[in-house]
Amino acid sequence: MTERLARITPDQMTPEQVEVYEKFAGGKRAAPGSAFSLVHPDGGLTGPPNAWLLSPPLARAFERVGWAMRYELTLSDRSREIAILLHAFHRASPFELHAHRKAGRAAGLSDAEIEGLATRTPPAFRSAEERSVFTTTLALIDRKDLDDAEYAAAVAALGERKLFELVALIGYYDSVATQLAVFRVTPPD
């Protein structure tokens, strides 16, 4: 599959695009030890942010939401990555899988646990939160909803805030997976 969108390099960017680029090229996202980088070694951005540059106002919004999803949720890192990986395998999203296999390892998931998520094999849960995230995510990706019993169980295990964060996380990554599919974004070599 060939990418449909050429990578926009810094020398081709408008000042608004440079502003977005700098959010990914510096700070916590680019710090040593970060699970993955969205800055291409030859310049520009990889993954969804390269497409986001087409619309700087939307790029700023997606960048901020992405930051919150990665660094500000009350869900544990493992729980977040379990949900993202289940979604990425469900959508068969090559770039999401590339990035979040790395993020999953950084969050403490083993390679066997990560690959098991492809067949919906539960990882070795470390908490009731992880178990609830796993079961709730499967319901969300299969039916885009929770029945009353599933909702009650999720609220009992996660609380309303974490459940809202999980629903938002799945919605965000569904949007990103669609963008990646339409623009045929592939992982870097």
Protein backbone atom coordinates (compact mmCIF):
# COMPACT_ATOMS: atom_id res chain seq x y z
CA MET A 1 0.00 0.00 0.00
CA THR A 2 1.37 3.40 -0.98
CA GLU A 3 0.87 6.46 1.15
CA ARG A 4 -1.40 8.97 -0.54
CA LEU A 5 0.03 12.04 1.15
CA ALA A 6 3.62 13.19 0.73
CA ARG A 7 5.43 14.01 3.96
CA ILE A 8 5.49 17.75 4.51
CA THR A 9 9.00 18.80 5.52
CA PRO A 10 9.75 21.86 7.66
CA ASP A 11 11.09 23.84 4.67
CA GLN A 12 7.69 23.42 2.96
CA MET A 13 5.59 24.37 6.01
CA THR A 14 3.66 27.54 6.59
CA PRO A 15 4.24 29.32 9.93
CA GLU A 16 1.03 27.71 11.26
CA GLN A 17 2.27 24.26 10.26
CA VAL A 18 5.66 24.91 11.87
CA GLU A 19 3.87 25.76 15.12
CA VAL A 20 2.21 22.32 15.06
CA TYR A 21 5.41 20.58 14.00
CA GLU A 22 7.27 22.05 16.97
CA LYS A 23 4.73 20.49 19.37
CA PHE A 24 5.87 17.06 18.15
CA ALA A 25 9.56 17.84 17.63
CA GLY A 26 10.20 19.07 21.17
CA GLY A 27 9.15 18.53 24.74
CA LYS A 28 7.97 15.33 26.37
CA ARG A 29 6.99 13.62 23.10
CA ALA A 30 10.54 13.90 21.76
CA ALA A 31 12.35 13.24 25.04
CA PRO A 32 14.70 10.27 25.32
CA GLY A 33 12.79 7.28 26.58
CA SER A 34 9.55 8.27 24.84
CA ALA A 35 7.83 5.12 23.56
CA PHE A 36 7.74 6.37 19.96
CA SER A 37 8.37 9.52 17.98
CA LEU A 38 6.15 11.11 15.35
CA VAL A 39 9.06 13.08 13.88
CA HIS A 40 10.52 11.51 10.76
CA PRO A 41 14.33 11.19 10.79
CA ASP A 42 14.48 12.93 7.39
CA GLY A 43 12.28 15.82 8.52
CA GLY A 44 8.57 16.34 8.85
CA LEU A 45 6.10 14.23 10.75
CA THR A 46 5.03 10.60 10.45
CA GLY A 47 1.69 9.10 11.29
CA PRO A 48 -1.49 11.10 11.66
CA PRO A 49 0.17 14.48 12.38
CA ASN A 50 1.50 14.67 8.82
CA ALA A 51 -2.10 14.69 7.54
CA TRP A 52 -3.18 17.05 10.30
CA LEU A 53 -0.81 19.66 8.87
CA LEU A 54 -3.26 20.05 5.98
CA SER A 55 -5.52 21.97 8.39
CA PRO A 56 -3.58 23.78 11.12
CA PRO A 57 -6.72 24.59 13.18
CA LEU A 58 -7.66 20.90 13.28
CA ALA A 59 -4.01 19.94 13.77
CA ARG A 60 -3.88 22.09 16.91
CA ALA A 61 -7.07 20.48 18.23
CA PHE A 62 -5.96 16.90 17.47
CA GLU A 63 -2.51 17.58 18.95
CA ARG A 64 -4.02 18.80 22.20
CA VAL A 65 -6.47 15.91 22.43
CA GLY A 66 -3.68 13.45 21.60
CA TRP A 67 -1.55 14.96 24.37
CA ALA A 68 -4.38 14.52 26.85
CA MET A 69 -4.98 10.93 25.73
CA ARG A 70 -1.31 10.04 26.12
CA TYR A 71 -0.32 11.99 29.23
CA GLU A 72 -3.33 13.21 31.21
CA LEU A 73 -5.84 10.37 31.60
CA THR A 74 -6.49 8.82 35.00
CA LEU A 75 -6.50 5.37 33.37
CA SER A 76 -3.23 3.53 33.97
CA ASP A 77 -0.73 3.37 31.12
CA ARG A 78 -1.30 -0.39 30.79
CA SER A 79 -5.08 0.05 30.69
CA ARG A 80 -4.80 2.77 28.06
CA GLU A 81 -2.54 0.64 25.87
CA ILE A 82 -4.74 -2.45 26.26
CA ALA A 83 -7.66 -0.41 24.91
CA ILE A 84 -5.67 1.19 22.08
CA LEU A 85 -4.14 -2.11 20.98
CA LEU A 86 -7.49 -3.91 21.02
CA HIS A 87 -8.84 -1.12 18.83
CA ALA A 88 -5.79 -1.11 16.54
CA PHE A 89 -6.04 -4.87 15.97
CA HIS A 90 -9.81 -4.54 15.38
CA ARG A 91 -9.23 -1.82 12.77
CA ALA A 92 -6.11 -3.58 11.39
CA SER A 93 -4.35 -0.21 11.55
CA PRO A 94 -0.66 -0.70 10.66
CA PHE A 95 0.59 2.64 12.00
CA GLU A 96 -1.41 2.38 15.25
CA LEU A 97 -0.07 -1.14 15.75
CA HIS A 98 3.49 -0.02 15.05
CA ALA A 99 3.35 2.86 17.51
CA HIS A 100 1.32 1.20 20.24
CA ARG A 101 3.22 -2.07 20.29
CA LYS A 102 6.11 0.14 21.43
CA ALA A 103 3.91 2.11 23.84
CA GLY A 104 2.43 -1.14 25.17
CA ARG A 105 5.90 -2.51 25.93
CA ALA A 106 6.81 0.78 27.64
CA ALA A 107 3.63 0.46 29.73
CA GLY A 108 4.61 -3.02 30.88
CA LEU A 109 2.80 -5.33 28.47
CA SER A 110 4.84 -8.29 27.25
CA ASP A 111 5.14 -9.11 23.55
CA ALA A 112 2.98 -12.21 24.15
CA GLU A 113 0.29 -10.09 25.85
CA ILE A 114 0.37 -7.54 23.03
CA GLU A 115 0.08 -10.14 20.29
CA GLY A 116 -2.59 -11.98 22.28
CA LEU A 117 -4.78 -8.90 22.04
CA ALA A 118 -5.01 -9.56 18.29
CA THR A 119 -7.11 -12.63 19.11
CA ARG A 120 -8.73 -10.96 22.11
CA THR A 121 -6.75 -13.07 24.54
CA PRO A 122 -6.80 -11.30 27.89
CA PRO A 123 -3.41 -10.23 29.22
CA ALA A 124 -2.40 -11.08 32.79
CA PHE A 125 -4.56 -8.44 34.45
CA ARG A 126 -2.86 -6.51 37.22
CA SER A 127 -6.02 -4.79 38.38
CA ALA A 128 -9.79 -4.72 38.19
CA GLU A 129 -9.36 -1.58 36.09
CA GLU A 130 -7.45 -3.50 33.39
CA ARG A 131 -10.06 -6.28 33.37
CA SER A 132 -12.88 -3.76 33.00
CA VAL A 133 -11.03 -1.80 30.30
CA PHE A 134 -10.54 -5.04 28.34
CA THR A 135 -14.19 -6.14 28.50
CA THR A 136 -15.61 -2.64 28.03
CA THR A 137 -13.35 -1.94 25.04
CA LEU A 138 -14.47 -5.14 23.33
CA ALA A 139 -18.12 -4.12 23.76
CA LEU A 140 -17.37 -0.63 22.42
CA ILE A 141 -15.50 -1.81 19.33
CA ASP A 142 -18.06 -4.54 18.60
CA ARG A 143 -21.30 -2.63 19.23
CA LYS A 144 -20.31 1.03 19.81
CA ASP A 145 -22.41 0.92 22.99
CA LEU A 146 -22.81 -0.71 26.39
CA ASP A 147 -25.99 -2.37 27.60
CA ASP A 148 -27.24 -1.48 31.08
CA ALA A 149 -25.42 -4.36 32.78
CA GLU A 150 -22.13 -3.56 31.01
CA TYR A 151 -22.48 0.11 31.88
CA ALA A 152 -23.14 -0.67 35.55
CA ALA A 153 -20.18 -3.06 35.68
CA ALA A 154 -17.87 -0.51 34.04
CA VAL A 155 -18.95 2.27 36.41
CA ALA A 156 -18.51 -0.07 39.41
CA ALA A 157 -14.95 -0.98 38.31
CA LEU A 158 -13.79 2.29 36.78
CA GLY A 159 -16.02 5.08 38.06
CA GLU A 160 -17.71 7.53 35.73
CA ARG A 161 -14.59 9.59 34.97
CA LYS A 162 -12.45 6.64 33.85
CA LEU A 163 -15.34 5.22 31.85
CA PHE A 164 -15.77 8.56 30.09
CA GLU A 165 -12.01 8.66 29.40
CA LEU A 166 -12.14 5.15 27.94
CA VAL A 167 -15.09 5.98 25.68
CA ALA A 168 -13.32 9.16 24.52
CA LEU A 169 -10.07 7.23 23.96
CA ILE A 170 -11.80 4.68 21.72
CA GLY A 171 -13.59 7.44 19.79
CA TYR A 172 -10.36 9.39 19.30
CA TYR A 173 -8.44 6.35 18.06
CA ASP A 174 -11.30 5.39 15.76
CA SER A 175 -11.05 8.83 14.16
CA VAL A 176 -7.27 8.51 13.90
CA ALA A 177 -7.54 5.01 12.40
CA THR A 178 -9.92 6.34 9.76
CA GLN A 179 -7.50 9.16 8.89
CA LEU A 180 -4.63 6.69 8.68
CA ALA A 181 -6.65 4.39 6.41
CA VAL A 182 -7.83 7.11 4.02
CA PHE A 183 -4.34 8.58 3.60
CA ARG A 184 -2.76 5.08 3.56
CA VAL A 185 -0.30 6.03 6.30
CA THR A 186 2.22 3.26 6.85
CA PRO A 187 4.73 2.79 9.64
CA PRO A 188 8.24 4.07 9.03
CA ASP A 189 10.72 1.49 7.75
